[in-house]
C-alpha cells in the first residue's frame, strides 16, 4: 500500500501524522 514515488522518511512521518526524529527508529 505504498506508492513507489514516496520517500521512506516522508512515508513514516505521514503515517505518524507528527514530526519527530525518525533516525533511531
PDBML (XML) file of the C-alpha atoms, coordinates in Angstrom:
<?xml version="1.0" encoding="UTF-8" ?>
<PDBx:datablock datablockName="MODEL"
   xmlns:PDBx="http://pdbml.pdb.org/schema/pdbx-v50.xsd"
   xmlns:xsi="http://www.w3.org/2001/XMLSchema-instance"
   xsi:schemaLocation="http://pdbml.pdb.org/schema/pdbx-v50.xsd pdbx-v50.xsd">
   <PDBx:atom_siteCategory>
      <PDBx:atom_site id="1">
         <PDBx:B_iso_or_equiv>0.00</PDBx:B_iso_or_equiv>
         <PDBx:Cartn_x>0.000</PDBx:Cartn_x>
         <PDBx:Cartn_y>0.000</PDBx:Cartn_y>
         <PDBx:Cartn_z>0.000</PDBx:Cartn_z>
         <PDBx:auth_asym_id>A</PDBx:auth_asym_id>
         <PDBx:auth_atom_id>CA</PDBx:auth_atom_id>
         <PDBx:auth_comp_id>UNK</PDBx:auth_comp_id>
         <PDBx:auth_seq_id>1</PDBx:auth_seq_id>
         <PDBx:group_PDB>ATOM</PDBx:group_PDB>
         <PDBx:label_alt_id xsi:nil="true" />
         <PDBx:label_asym_id>A</PDBx:label_asym_id>
         <PDBx:label_atom_id>CA</PDBx:label_atom_id>
         <PDBx:label_comp_id>UNK</PDBx:label_comp_id>
         <PDBx:label_entity_id>1</PDBx:label_entity_id>
         <PDBx:label_seq_id>1</PDBx:label_seq_id>
         <PDBx:occupancy>1.00</PDBx:occupancy>
         <PDBx:pdbx_PDB_model_num>1</PDBx:pdbx_PDB_model_num>
         <PDBx:type_symbol>C</PDBx:type_symbol>
      </PDBx:atom_site>
      <PDBx:atom_site id="2">
         <PDBx:B_iso_or_equiv>0.00</PDBx:B_iso_or_equiv>
         <PDBx:Cartn_x>2.870</PDBx:Cartn_x>
         <PDBx:Cartn_y>2.392</PDBx:Cartn_y>
         <PDBx:Cartn_z>-0.777</PDBx:Cartn_z>
         <PDBx:auth_asym_id>A</PDBx:auth_asym_id>
         <PDBx:auth_atom_id>CA</PDBx:auth_atom_id>
         <PDBx:auth_comp_id>UNK</PDBx:auth_comp_id>
         <PDBx:auth_seq_id>2</PDBx:auth_seq_id>
         <PDBx:group_PDB>ATOM</PDBx:group_PDB>
         <PDBx:label_alt_id xsi:nil="true" />
         <PDBx:label_asym_id>A</PDBx:label_asym_id>
         <PDBx:label_atom_id>CA</PDBx:label_atom_id>
         <PDBx:label_comp_id>UNK</PDBx:label_comp_id>
         <PDBx:label_entity_id>1</PDBx:label_entity_id>
         <PDBx:label_seq_id>2</PDBx:label_seq_id>
         <PDBx:occupancy>1.00</PDBx:occupancy>
         <PDBx:pdbx_PDB_model_num>1</PDBx:pdbx_PDB_model_num>
         <PDBx:type_symbol>C</PDBx:type_symbol>
      </PDBx:atom_site>
      <PDBx:atom_site id="3">
         <PDBx:B_iso_or_equiv>0.00</PDBx:B_iso_or_equiv>
         <PDBx:Cartn_x>3.379</PDBx:Cartn_x>
         <PDBx:Cartn_y>4.489</PDBx:Cartn_y>
         <PDBx:Cartn_z>-3.884</PDBx:Cartn_z>
         <PDBx:auth_asym_id>A</PDBx:auth_asym_id>
         <PDBx:auth_atom_id>CA</PDBx:auth_atom_id>
         <PDBx:auth_comp_id>UNK</PDBx:auth_comp_id>
         <PDBx:auth_seq_id>3</PDBx:auth_seq_id>
         <PDBx:group_PDB>ATOM</PDBx:group_PDB>
         <PDBx:label_alt_id xsi:nil="true" />
         <PDBx:label_asym_id>A</PDBx:label_asym_id>
         <PDBx:label_atom_id>CA</PDBx:label_atom_id>
         <PDBx:label_comp_id>UNK</PDBx:label_comp_id>
         <PDBx:label_entity_id>1</PDBx:label_entity_id>
         <PDBx:label_seq_id>3</PDBx:label_seq_id>
         <PDBx:occupancy>1.00</PDBx:occupancy>
         <PDBx:pdbx_PDB_model_num>1</PDBx:pdbx_PDB_model_num>
         <PDBx:type_symbol>C</PDBx:type_symbol>
      </PDBx:atom_site>
      <PDBx:atom_site id="4">
         <PDBx:B_iso_or_equiv>0.00</PDBx:B_iso_or_equiv>
         <PDBx:Cartn_x>6.789</PDBx:Cartn_x>
         <PDBx:Cartn_y>3.985</PDBx:Cartn_y>
         <PDBx:Cartn_z>-5.444</PDBx:Cartn_z>
         <PDBx:auth_asym_id>A</PDBx:auth_asym_id>
         <PDBx:auth_atom_id>CA</PDBx:auth_atom_id>
         <PDBx:auth_comp_id>UNK</PDBx:auth_comp_id>
         <PDBx:auth_seq_id>4</PDBx:auth_seq_id>
         <PDBx:group_PDB>ATOM</PDBx:group_PDB>
         <PDBx:label_alt_id xsi:nil="true" />
         <PDBx:label_asym_id>A</PDBx:label_asym_id>
         <PDBx:label_atom_id>CA</PDBx:label_atom_id>
         <PDBx:label_comp_id>UNK</PDBx:label_comp_id>
         <PDBx:label_entity_id>1</PDBx:label_entity_id>
         <PDBx:label_seq_id>4</PDBx:label_seq_id>
         <PDBx:occupancy>1.00</PDBx:occupancy>
         <PDBx:pdbx_PDB_model_num>1</PDBx:pdbx_PDB_model_num>
         <PDBx:type_symbol>C</PDBx:type_symbol>
      </PDBx:atom_site>
      <PDBx:atom_site id="5">
         <PDBx:B_iso_or_equiv>0.00</PDBx:B_iso_or_equiv>
         <PDBx:Cartn_x>7.447</PDBx:Cartn_x>
         <PDBx:Cartn_y>7.740</PDBx:Cartn_y>
         <PDBx:Cartn_z>-5.568</PDBx:Cartn_z>
         <PDBx:auth_asym_id>A</PDBx:auth_asym_id>
         <PDBx:auth_atom_id>CA</PDBx:auth_atom_id>
         <PDBx:auth_comp_id>UNK</PDBx:auth_comp_id>
         <PDBx:auth_seq_id>5</PDBx:auth_seq_id>
         <PDBx:group_PDB>ATOM</PDBx:group_PDB>
         <PDBx:label_alt_id xsi:nil="true" />
         <PDBx:label_asym_id>A</PDBx:label_asym_id>
         <PDBx:label_atom_id>CA</PDBx:label_atom_id>
         <PDBx:label_comp_id>UNK</PDBx:label_comp_id>
         <PDBx:label_entity_id>1</PDBx:label_entity_id>
         <PDBx:label_seq_id>5</PDBx:label_seq_id>
         <PDBx:occupancy>1.00</PDBx:occupancy>
         <PDBx:pdbx_PDB_model_num>1</PDBx:pdbx_PDB_model_num>
         <PDBx:type_symbol>C</PDBx:type_symbol>
      </PDBx:atom_site>
      <PDBx:atom_site id="6">
         <PDBx:B_iso_or_equiv>0.00</PDBx:B_iso_or_equiv>
         <PDBx:Cartn_x>7.004</PDBx:Cartn_x>
         <PDBx:Cartn_y>8.234</PDBx:Cartn_y>
         <PDBx:Cartn_z>-1.824</PDBx:Cartn_z>
         <PDBx:auth_asym_id>A</PDBx:auth_asym_id>
         <PDBx:auth_atom_id>CA</PDBx:auth_atom_id>
         <PDBx:auth_comp_id>UNK</PDBx:auth_comp_id>
         <PDBx:auth_seq_id>6</PDBx:auth_seq_id>
         <PDBx:group_PDB>ATOM</PDBx:group_PDB>
         <PDBx:label_alt_id xsi:nil="true" />
         <PDBx:label_asym_id>A</PDBx:label_asym_id>
         <PDBx:label_atom_id>CA</PDBx:label_atom_id>
         <PDBx:label_comp_id>UNK</PDBx:label_comp_id>
         <PDBx:label_entity_id>1</PDBx:label_entity_id>
         <PDBx:label_seq_id>6</PDBx:label_seq_id>
         <PDBx:occupancy>1.00</PDBx:occupancy>
         <PDBx:pdbx_PDB_model_num>1</PDBx:pdbx_PDB_model_num>
         <PDBx:type_symbol>C</PDBx:type_symbol>
      </PDBx:atom_site>
      <PDBx:atom_site id="7">
         <PDBx:B_iso_or_equiv>0.00</PDBx:B_iso_or_equiv>
         <PDBx:Cartn_x>10.208</PDBx:Cartn_x>
         <PDBx:Cartn_y>8.744</PDBx:Cartn_y>
         <PDBx:Cartn_z>0.153</PDBx:Cartn_z>
         <PDBx:auth_asym_id>A</PDBx:auth_asym_id>
         <PDBx:auth_atom_id>CA</PDBx:auth_atom_id>
         <PDBx:auth_comp_id>UNK</PDBx:auth_comp_id>
         <PDBx:auth_seq_id>7</PDBx:auth_seq_id>
         <PDBx:group_PDB>ATOM</PDBx:group_PDB>
         <PDBx:label_alt_id xsi:nil="true" />
         <PDBx:label_asym_id>A</PDBx:label_asym_id>
         <PDBx:label_atom_id>CA</PDBx:label_atom_id>
         <PDBx:label_comp_id>UNK</PDBx:label_comp_id>
         <PDBx:label_entity_id>1</PDBx:label_entity_id>
         <PDBx:label_seq_id>7</PDBx:label_seq_id>
         <PDBx:occupancy>1.00</PDBx:occupancy>
         <PDBx:pdbx_PDB_model_num>1</PDBx:pdbx_PDB_model_num>
         <PDBx:type_symbol>C</PDBx:type_symbol>
      </PDBx:atom_site>
      <PDBx:atom_site id="8">
         <PDBx:B_iso_or_equiv>0.00</PDBx:B_iso_or_equiv>
         <PDBx:Cartn_x>10.942</PDBx:Cartn_x>
         <PDBx:Cartn_y>6.403</PDBx:Cartn_y>
         <PDBx:Cartn_z>3.055</PDBx:Cartn_z>
         <PDBx:auth_asym_id>A</PDBx:auth_asym_id>
         <PDBx:auth_atom_id>CA</PDBx:auth_atom_id>
         <PDBx:auth_comp_id>UNK</PDBx:auth_comp_id>
         <PDBx:auth_seq_id>8</PDBx:auth_seq_id>
         <PDBx:group_PDB>ATOM</PDBx:group_PDB>
         <PDBx:label_alt_id xsi:nil="true" />
         <PDBx:label_asym_id>A</PDBx:label_asym_id>
         <PDBx:label_atom_id>CA</PDBx:label_atom_id>
         <PDBx:label_comp_id>UNK</PDBx:label_comp_id>
         <PDBx:label_entity_id>1</PDBx:label_entity_id>
         <PDBx:label_seq_id>8</PDBx:label_seq_id>
         <PDBx:occupancy>1.00</PDBx:occupancy>
         <PDBx:pdbx_PDB_model_num>1</PDBx:pdbx_PDB_model_num>
         <PDBx:type_symbol>C</PDBx:type_symbol>
      </PDBx:atom_site>
      <PDBx:atom_site id="9">
         <PDBx:B_iso_or_equiv>0.00</PDBx:B_iso_or_equiv>
         <PDBx:Cartn_x>11.228</PDBx:Cartn_x>
         <PDBx:Cartn_y>9.136</PDBx:Cartn_y>
         <PDBx:Cartn_z>5.688</PDBx:Cartn_z>
         <PDBx:auth_asym_id>A</PDBx:auth_asym_id>
         <PDBx:auth_atom_id>CA</PDBx:auth_atom_id>
         <PDBx:auth_comp_id>UNK</PDBx:auth_comp_id>
         <PDBx:auth_seq_id>9</PDBx:auth_seq_id>
         <PDBx:group_PDB>ATOM</PDBx:group_PDB>
         <PDBx:label_alt_id xsi:nil="true" />
         <PDBx:label_asym_id>A</PDBx:label_asym_id>
         <PDBx:label_atom_id>CA</PDBx:label_atom_id>
         <PDBx:label_comp_id>UNK</PDBx:label_comp_id>
         <PDBx:label_entity_id>1</PDBx:label_entity_id>
         <PDBx:label_seq_id>9</PDBx:label_seq_id>
         <PDBx:occupancy>1.00</PDBx:occupancy>
         <PDBx:pdbx_PDB_model_num>1</PDBx:pdbx_PDB_model_num>
         <PDBx:type_symbol>C</PDBx:type_symbol>
      </PDBx:atom_site>
      <PDBx:atom_site id="10">
         <PDBx:B_iso_or_equiv>0.00</PDBx:B_iso_or_equiv>
         <PDBx:Cartn_x>8.218</PDBx:Cartn_x>
         <PDBx:Cartn_y>11.026</PDBx:Cartn_y>
         <PDBx:Cartn_z>4.396</PDBx:Cartn_z>
         <PDBx:auth_asym_id>A</PDBx:auth_asym_id>
         <PDBx:auth_atom_id>CA</PDBx:auth_atom_id>
         <PDBx:auth_comp_id>UNK</PDBx:auth_comp_id>
         <PDBx:auth_seq_id>10</PDBx:auth_seq_id>
         <PDBx:group_PDB>ATOM</PDBx:group_PDB>
         <PDBx:label_alt_id xsi:nil="true" />
         <PDBx:label_asym_id>A</PDBx:label_asym_id>
         <PDBx:label_atom_id>CA</PDBx:label_atom_id>
         <PDBx:label_comp_id>UNK</PDBx:label_comp_id>
         <PDBx:label_entity_id>1</PDBx:label_entity_id>
         <PDBx:label_seq_id>10</PDBx:label_seq_id>
         <PDBx:occupancy>1.00</PDBx:occupancy>
         <PDBx:pdbx_PDB_model_num>1</PDBx:pdbx_PDB_model_num>
         <PDBx:type_symbol>C</PDBx:type_symbol>
      </PDBx:atom_site>
      <PDBx:atom_site id="11">
         <PDBx:B_iso_or_equiv>0.00</PDBx:B_iso_or_equiv>
         <PDBx:Cartn_x>6.057</PDBx:Cartn_x>
         <PDBx:Cartn_y>7.916</PDBx:Cartn_y>
         <PDBx:Cartn_z>4.427</PDBx:Cartn_z>
         <PDBx:auth_asym_id>A</PDBx:auth_asym_id>
         <PDBx:auth_atom_id>CA</PDBx:auth_atom_id>
         <PDBx:auth_comp_id>UNK</PDBx:auth_comp_id>
         <PDBx:auth_seq_id>11</PDBx:auth_seq_id>
         <PDBx:group_PDB>ATOM</PDBx:group_PDB>
         <PDBx:label_alt_id xsi:nil="true" />
         <PDBx:label_asym_id>A</PDBx:label_asym_id>
         <PDBx:label_atom_id>CA</PDBx:label_atom_id>
         <PDBx:label_comp_id>UNK</PDBx:label_comp_id>
         <PDBx:label_entity_id>1</PDBx:label_entity_id>
         <PDBx:label_seq_id>11</PDBx:label_seq_id>
         <PDBx:occupancy>1.00</PDBx:occupancy>
         <PDBx:pdbx_PDB_model_num>1</PDBx:pdbx_PDB_model_num>
         <PDBx:type_symbol>C</PDBx:type_symbol>
      </PDBx:atom_site>
      <PDBx:atom_site id="12">
         <PDBx:B_iso_or_equiv>0.00</PDBx:B_iso_or_equiv>
         <PDBx:Cartn_x>6.786</PDBx:Cartn_x>
         <PDBx:Cartn_y>7.138</PDBx:Cartn_y>
         <PDBx:Cartn_z>8.092</PDBx:Cartn_z>
         <PDBx:auth_asym_id>A</PDBx:auth_asym_id>
         <PDBx:auth_atom_id>CA</PDBx:auth_atom_id>
         <PDBx:auth_comp_id>UNK</PDBx:auth_comp_id>
         <PDBx:auth_seq_id>12</PDBx:auth_seq_id>
         <PDBx:group_PDB>ATOM</PDBx:group_PDB>
         <PDBx:label_alt_id xsi:nil="true" />
         <PDBx:label_asym_id>A</PDBx:label_asym_id>
         <PDBx:label_atom_id>CA</PDBx:label_atom_id>
         <PDBx:label_comp_id>UNK</PDBx:label_comp_id>
         <PDBx:label_entity_id>1</PDBx:label_entity_id>
         <PDBx:label_seq_id>12</PDBx:label_seq_id>
         <PDBx:occupancy>1.00</PDBx:occupancy>
         <PDBx:pdbx_PDB_model_num>1</PDBx:pdbx_PDB_model_num>
         <PDBx:type_symbol>C</PDBx:type_symbol>
      </PDBx:atom_site>
      <PDBx:atom_site id="13">
         <PDBx:B_iso_or_equiv>0.00</PDBx:B_iso_or_equiv>
         <PDBx:Cartn_x>6.113</PDBx:Cartn_x>
         <PDBx:Cartn_y>10.729</PDBx:Cartn_y>
         <PDBx:Cartn_z>9.150</PDBx:Cartn_z>
         <PDBx:auth_asym_id>A</PDBx:auth_asym_id>
         <PDBx:auth_atom_id>CA</PDBx:auth_atom_id>
         <PDBx:auth_comp_id>UNK</PDBx:auth_comp_id>
         <PDBx:auth_seq_id>13</PDBx:auth_seq_id>
         <PDBx:group_PDB>ATOM</PDBx:group_PDB>
         <PDBx:label_alt_id xsi:nil="true" />
         <PDBx:label_asym_id>A</PDBx:label_asym_id>
         <PDBx:label_atom_id>CA</PDBx:label_atom_id>
         <PDBx:label_comp_id>UNK</PDBx:label_comp_id>
         <PDBx:label_entity_id>1</PDBx:label_entity_id>
         <PDBx:label_seq_id>13</PDBx:label_seq_id>
         <PDBx:occupancy>1.00</PDBx:occupancy>
         <PDBx:pdbx_PDB_model_num>1</PDBx:pdbx_PDB_model_num>
         <PDBx:type_symbol>C</PDBx:type_symbol>
      </PDBx:atom_site>
      <PDBx:atom_site id="14">
         <PDBx:B_iso_or_equiv>0.00</PDBx:B_iso_or_equiv>
         <PDBx:Cartn_x>2.916</PDBx:Cartn_x>
         <PDBx:Cartn_y>10.917</PDBx:Cartn_y>
         <PDBx:Cartn_z>7.076</PDBx:Cartn_z>
         <PDBx:auth_asym_id>A</PDBx:auth_asym_id>
         <PDBx:auth_atom_id>CA</PDBx:auth_atom_id>
         <PDBx:auth_comp_id>UNK</PDBx:auth_comp_id>
         <PDBx:auth_seq_id>14</PDBx:auth_seq_id>
         <PDBx:group_PDB>ATOM</PDBx:group_PDB>
         <PDBx:label_alt_id xsi:nil="true" />
         <PDBx:label_asym_id>A</PDBx:label_asym_id>
         <PDBx:label_atom_id>CA</PDBx:label_atom_id>
         <PDBx:label_comp_id>UNK</PDBx:label_comp_id>
         <PDBx:label_entity_id>1</PDBx:label_entity_id>
         <PDBx:label_seq_id>14</PDBx:label_seq_id>
         <PDBx:occupancy>1.00</PDBx:occupancy>
         <PDBx:pdbx_PDB_model_num>1</PDBx:pdbx_PDB_model_num>
         <PDBx:type_symbol>C</PDBx:type_symbol>
      </PDBx:atom_site>
      <PDBx:atom_site id="15">
         <PDBx:B_iso_or_equiv>0.00</PDBx:B_iso_or_equiv>
         <PDBx:Cartn_x>1.713</PDBx:Cartn_x>
         <PDBx:Cartn_y>7.704</PDBx:Cartn_y>
         <PDBx:Cartn_z>8.746</PDBx:Cartn_z>
         <PDBx:auth_asym_id>A</PDBx:auth_asym_id>
         <PDBx:auth_atom_id>CA</PDBx:auth_atom_id>
         <PDBx:auth_comp_id>UNK</PDBx:auth_comp_id>
         <PDBx:auth_seq_id>15</PDBx:auth_seq_id>
         <PDBx:group_PDB>ATOM</PDBx:group_PDB>
         <PDBx:label_alt_id xsi:nil="true" />
         <PDBx:label_asym_id>A</PDBx:label_asym_id>
         <PDBx:label_atom_id>CA</PDBx:label_atom_id>
         <PDBx:label_comp_id>UNK</PDBx:label_comp_id>
         <PDBx:label_entity_id>1</PDBx:label_entity_id>
         <PDBx:label_seq_id>15</PDBx:label_seq_id>
         <PDBx:occupancy>1.00</PDBx:occupancy>
         <PDBx:pdbx_PDB_model_num>1</PDBx:pdbx_PDB_model_num>
         <PDBx:type_symbol>C</PDBx:type_symbol>
      </PDBx:atom_site>
      <PDBx:atom_site id="16">
         <PDBx:B_iso_or_equiv>0.00</PDBx:B_iso_or_equiv>
         <PDBx:Cartn_x>2.509</PDBx:Cartn_x>
         <PDBx:Cartn_y>9.152</PDBx:Cartn_y>
         <PDBx:Cartn_z>12.165</PDBx:Cartn_z>
         <PDBx:auth_asym_id>A</PDBx:auth_asym_id>
         <PDBx:auth_atom_id>CA</PDBx:auth_atom_id>
         <PDBx:auth_comp_id>UNK</PDBx:auth_comp_id>
         <PDBx:auth_seq_id>16</PDBx:auth_seq_id>
         <PDBx:group_PDB>ATOM</PDBx:group_PDB>
         <PDBx:label_alt_id xsi:nil="true" />
         <PDBx:label_asym_id>A</PDBx:label_asym_id>
         <PDBx:label_atom_id>CA</PDBx:label_atom_id>
         <PDBx:label_comp_id>UNK</PDBx:label_comp_id>
         <PDBx:label_entity_id>1</PDBx:label_entity_id>
         <PDBx:label_seq_id>16</PDBx:label_seq_id>
         <PDBx:occupancy>1.00</PDBx:occupancy>
         <PDBx:pdbx_PDB_model_num>1</PDBx:pdbx_PDB_model_num>
         <PDBx:type_symbol>C</PDBx:type_symbol>
      </PDBx:atom_site>
      <PDBx:atom_site id="17">
         <PDBx:B_iso_or_equiv>0.00</PDBx:B_iso_or_equiv>
         <PDBx:Cartn_x>0.872</PDBx:Cartn_x>
         <PDBx:Cartn_y>12.490</PDBx:Cartn_y>
         <PDBx:Cartn_z>11.417</PDBx:Cartn_z>
         <PDBx:auth_asym_id>A</PDBx:auth_asym_id>
         <PDBx:auth_atom_id>CA</PDBx:auth_atom_id>
         <PDBx:auth_comp_id>UNK</PDBx:auth_comp_id>
         <PDBx:auth_seq_id>17</PDBx:auth_seq_id>
         <PDBx:group_PDB>ATOM</PDBx:group_PDB>
         <PDBx:label_alt_id xsi:nil="true" />
         <PDBx:label_asym_id>A</PDBx:label_asym_id>
         <PDBx:label_atom_id>CA</PDBx:label_atom_id>
         <PDBx:label_comp_id>UNK</PDBx:label_comp_id>
         <PDBx:label_entity_id>1</PDBx:label_entity_id>
         <PDBx:label_seq_id>17</PDBx:label_seq_id>
         <PDBx:occupancy>1.00</PDBx:occupancy>
         <PDBx:pdbx_PDB_model_num>1</PDBx:pdbx_PDB_model_num>
         <PDBx:type_symbol>C</PDBx:type_symbol>
      </PDBx:atom_site>
      <PDBx:atom_site id="18">
         <PDBx:B_iso_or_equiv>0.00</PDBx:B_iso_or_equiv>
         <PDBx:Cartn_x>3.553</PDBx:Cartn_x>
         <PDBx:Cartn_y>14.142</PDBx:Cartn_y>
         <PDBx:Cartn_z>13.562</PDBx:Cartn_z>
         <PDBx:auth_asym_id>A</PDBx:auth_asym_id>
         <PDBx:auth_atom_id>CA</PDBx:auth_atom_id>
         <PDBx:auth_comp_id>UNK</PDBx:auth_comp_id>
         <PDBx:auth_seq_id>18</PDBx:auth_seq_id>
         <PDBx:group_PDB>ATOM</PDBx:group_PDB>
         <PDBx:label_alt_id xsi:nil="true" />
         <PDBx:label_asym_id>A</PDBx:label_asym_id>
         <PDBx:label_atom_id>CA</PDBx:label_atom_id>
         <PDBx:label_comp_id>UNK</PDBx:label_comp_id>
         <PDBx:label_entity_id>1</PDBx:label_entity_id>
         <PDBx:label_seq_id>18</PDBx:label_seq_id>
         <PDBx:occupancy>1.00</PDBx:occupancy>
         <PDBx:pdbx_PDB_model_num>1</PDBx:pdbx_PDB_model_num>
         <PDBx:type_symbol>C</PDBx:type_symbol>
      </PDBx:atom_site>
      <PDBx:atom_site id="19">
         <PDBx:B_iso_or_equiv>0.00</PDBx:B_iso_or_equiv>
         <PDBx:Cartn_x>7.077</PDBx:Cartn_x>
         <PDBx:Cartn_y>15.464</PDBx:Cartn_y>
         <PDBx:Cartn_z>13.194</PDBx:Cartn_z>
         <PDBx:auth_asym_id>A</PDBx:auth_asym_id>
         <PDBx:auth_atom_id>CA</PDBx:auth_atom_id>
         <PDBx:auth_comp_id>UNK</PDBx:auth_comp_id>
         <PDBx:auth_seq_id>19</PDBx:auth_seq_id>
         <PDBx:group_PDB>ATOM</PDBx:group_PDB>
         <PDBx:label_alt_id xsi:nil="true" />
         <PDBx:label_asym_id>A</PDBx:label_asym_id>
         <PDBx:label_atom_id>CA</PDBx:label_atom_id>
         <PDBx:label_comp_id>UNK</PDBx:label_comp_id>
         <PDBx:label_entity_id>1</PDBx:label_entity_id>
         <PDBx:label_seq_id>19</PDBx:label_seq_id>
         <PDBx:occupancy>1.00</PDBx:occupancy>
         <PDBx:pdbx_PDB_model_num>1</PDBx:pdbx_PDB_model_num>
         <PDBx:type_symbol>C</PDBx:type_symbol>
      </PDBx:atom_site>
      <PDBx:atom_site id="20">
         <PDBx:B_iso_or_equiv>0.00</PDBx:B_iso_or_equiv>
         <PDBx:Cartn_x>9.809</PDBx:Cartn_x>
         <PDBx:Cartn_y>13.656</PDBx:Cartn_y>
         <PDBx:Cartn_z>15.124</PDBx:Cartn_z>
         <PDBx:auth_asym_id>A</PDBx:auth_asym_id>
         <PDBx:auth_atom_id>CA</PDBx:auth_atom_id>
         <PDBx:auth_comp_id>UNK</PDBx:auth_comp_id>
         <PDBx:auth_seq_id>20</PDBx:auth_seq_id>
         <PDBx:group_PDB>ATOM</PDBx:group_PDB>
         <PDBx:label_alt_id xsi:nil="true" />
         <PDBx:label_asym_id>A</PDBx:label_asym_id>
         <PDBx:label_atom_id>CA</PDBx:label_atom_id>
         <PDBx:label_comp_id>UNK</PDBx:label_comp_id>
         <PDBx:label_entity_id>1</PDBx:label_entity_id>
         <PDBx:label_seq_id>20</PDBx:label_seq_id>
         <PDBx:occupancy>1.00</PDBx:occupancy>
         <PDBx:pdbx_PDB_model_num>1</PDBx:pdbx_PDB_model_num>
         <PDBx:type_symbol>C</PDBx:type_symbol>
      </PDBx:atom_site>
      <PDBx:atom_site id="21">
         <PDBx:B_iso_or_equiv>0.00</PDBx:B_iso_or_equiv>
         <PDBx:Cartn_x>13.359</PDBx:Cartn_x>
         <PDBx:Cartn_y>12.393</PDBx:Cartn_y>
         <PDBx:Cartn_z>14.698</PDBx:Cartn_z>
         <PDBx:auth_asym_id>A</PDBx:auth_asym_id>
         <PDBx:auth_atom_id>CA</PDBx:auth_atom_id>
         <PDBx:auth_comp_id>UNK</PDBx:auth_comp_id>
         <PDBx:auth_seq_id>21</PDBx:auth_seq_id>
         <PDBx:group_PDB>ATOM</PDBx:group_PDB>
         <PDBx:label_alt_id xsi:nil="true" />
         <PDBx:label_asym_id>A</PDBx:label_asym_id>
         <PDBx:label_atom_id>CA</PDBx:label_atom_id>
         <PDBx:label_comp_id>UNK</PDBx:label_comp_id>
         <PDBx:label_entity_id>1</PDBx:label_entity_id>
         <PDBx:label_seq_id>21</PDBx:label_seq_id>
         <PDBx:occupancy>1.00</PDBx:occupancy>
         <PDBx:pdbx_PDB_model_num>1</PDBx:pdbx_PDB_model_num>
         <PDBx:type_symbol>C</PDBx:type_symbol>
      </PDBx:atom_site>
      <PDBx:atom_site id="22">
         <PDBx:B_iso_or_equiv>0.00</PDBx:B_iso_or_equiv>
         <PDBx:Cartn_x>12.990</PDBx:Cartn_x>
         <PDBx:Cartn_y>9.040</PDBx:Cartn_y>
         <PDBx:Cartn_z>12.932</PDBx:Cartn_z>
         <PDBx:auth_asym_id>A</PDBx:auth_asym_id>
         <PDBx:auth_atom_id>CA</PDBx:auth_atom_id>
         <PDBx:auth_comp_id>UNK</PDBx:auth_comp_id>
         <PDBx:auth_seq_id>22</PDBx:auth_seq_id>
         <PDBx:group_PDB>ATOM</PDBx:group_PDB>
         <PDBx:label_alt_id xsi:nil="true" />
         <PDBx:label_asym_id>A</PDBx:label_asym_id>
         <PDBx:label_atom_id>CA</PDBx:label_atom_id>
         <PDBx:label_comp_id>UNK</PDBx:label_comp_id>
         <PDBx:label_entity_id>1</PDBx:label_entity_id>
         <PDBx:label_seq_id>22</PDBx:label_seq_id>
         <PDBx:occupancy>1.00</PDBx:occupancy>
         <PDBx:pdbx_PDB_model_num>1</PDBx:pdbx_PDB_model_num>
         <PDBx:type_symbol>C</PDBx:type_symbol>
      </PDBx:atom_site>
      <PDBx:atom_site id="23">
         <PDBx:B_iso_or_equiv>0.00</PDBx:B_iso_or_equiv>
         <PDBx:Cartn_x>16.729</PDBx:Cartn_x>
         <PDBx:Cartn_y>8.319</PDBx:Cartn_y>
         <PDBx:Cartn_z>12.726</PDBx:Cartn_z>
         <PDBx:auth_asym_id>A</PDBx:auth_asym_id>
         <PDBx:auth_atom_id>CA</PDBx:auth_atom_id>
         <PDBx:auth_comp_id>UNK</PDBx:auth_comp_id>
         <PDBx:auth_seq_id>23</PDBx:auth_seq_id>
         <PDBx:group_PDB>ATOM</PDBx:group_PDB>
         <PDBx:label_alt_id xsi:nil="true" />
         <PDBx:label_asym_id>A</PDBx:label_asym_id>
         <PDBx:label_atom_id>CA</PDBx:label_atom_id>
         <PDBx:label_comp_id>UNK</PDBx:label_comp_id>
         <PDBx:label_entity_id>1</PDBx:label_entity_id>
         <PDBx:label_seq_id>23</PDBx:label_seq_id>
         <PDBx:occupancy>1.00</PDBx:occupancy>
         <PDBx:pdbx_PDB_model_num>1</PDBx:pdbx_PDB_model_num>
         <PDBx:type_symbol>C</PDBx:type_symbol>
      </PDBx:atom_site>
      <PDBx:atom_site id="24">
         <PDBx:B_iso_or_equiv>0.00</PDBx:B_iso_or_equiv>
         <PDBx:Cartn_x>16.816</PDBx:Cartn_x>
         <PDBx:Cartn_y>5.839</PDBx:Cartn_y>
         <PDBx:Cartn_z>15.625</PDBx:Cartn_z>
         <PDBx:auth_asym_id>A</PDBx:auth_asym_id>
         <PDBx:auth_atom_id>CA</PDBx:auth_atom_id>
         <PDBx:auth_comp_id>UNK</PDBx:auth_comp_id>
         <PDBx:auth_seq_id>24</PDBx:auth_seq_id>
         <PDBx:group_PDB>ATOM</PDBx:group_PDB>
         <PDBx:label_alt_id xsi:nil="true" />
         <PDBx:label_asym_id>A</PDBx:label_asym_id>
         <PDBx:label_atom_id>CA</PDBx:label_atom_id>
         <PDBx:label_comp_id>UNK</PDBx:label_comp_id>
         <PDBx:label_entity_id>1</PDBx:label_entity_id>
         <PDBx:label_seq_id>24</PDBx:label_seq_id>
         <PDBx:occupancy>1.00</PDBx:occupancy>
         <PDBx:pdbx_PDB_model_num>1</PDBx:pdbx_PDB_model_num>
         <PDBx:type_symbol>C</PDBx:type_symbol>
      </PDBx:atom_site>
      <PDBx:atom_site id="25">
         <PDBx:B_iso_or_equiv>0.00</PDBx:B_iso_or_equiv>
         <PDBx:Cartn_x>13.626</PDBx:Cartn_x>
         <PDBx:Cartn_y>4.112</PDBx:Cartn_y>
         <PDBx:Cartn_z>14.514</PDBx:Cartn_z>
         <PDBx:auth_asym_id>A</PDBx:auth_asym_id>
         <PDBx:auth_atom_id>CA</PDBx:auth_atom_id>
         <PDBx:auth_comp_id>UNK</PDBx:auth_comp_id>
         <PDBx:auth_seq_id>25</PDBx:auth_seq_id>
         <PDBx:group_PDB>ATOM</PDBx:group_PDB>
         <PDBx:label_alt_id xsi:nil="true" />
         <PDBx:label_asym_id>A</PDBx:label_asym_id>
         <PDBx:label_atom_id>CA</PDBx:label_atom_id>
         <PDBx:label_comp_id>UNK</PDBx:label_comp_id>
         <PDBx:label_entity_id>1</PDBx:label_entity_id>
         <PDBx:label_seq_id>25</PDBx:label_seq_id>
         <PDBx:occupancy>1.00</PDBx:occupancy>
         <PDBx:pdbx_PDB_model_num>1</PDBx:pdbx_PDB_model_num>
         <PDBx:type_symbol>C</PDBx:type_symbol>
      </PDBx:atom_site>
   </PDBx:atom_siteCategory>
</PDBx:datablock>
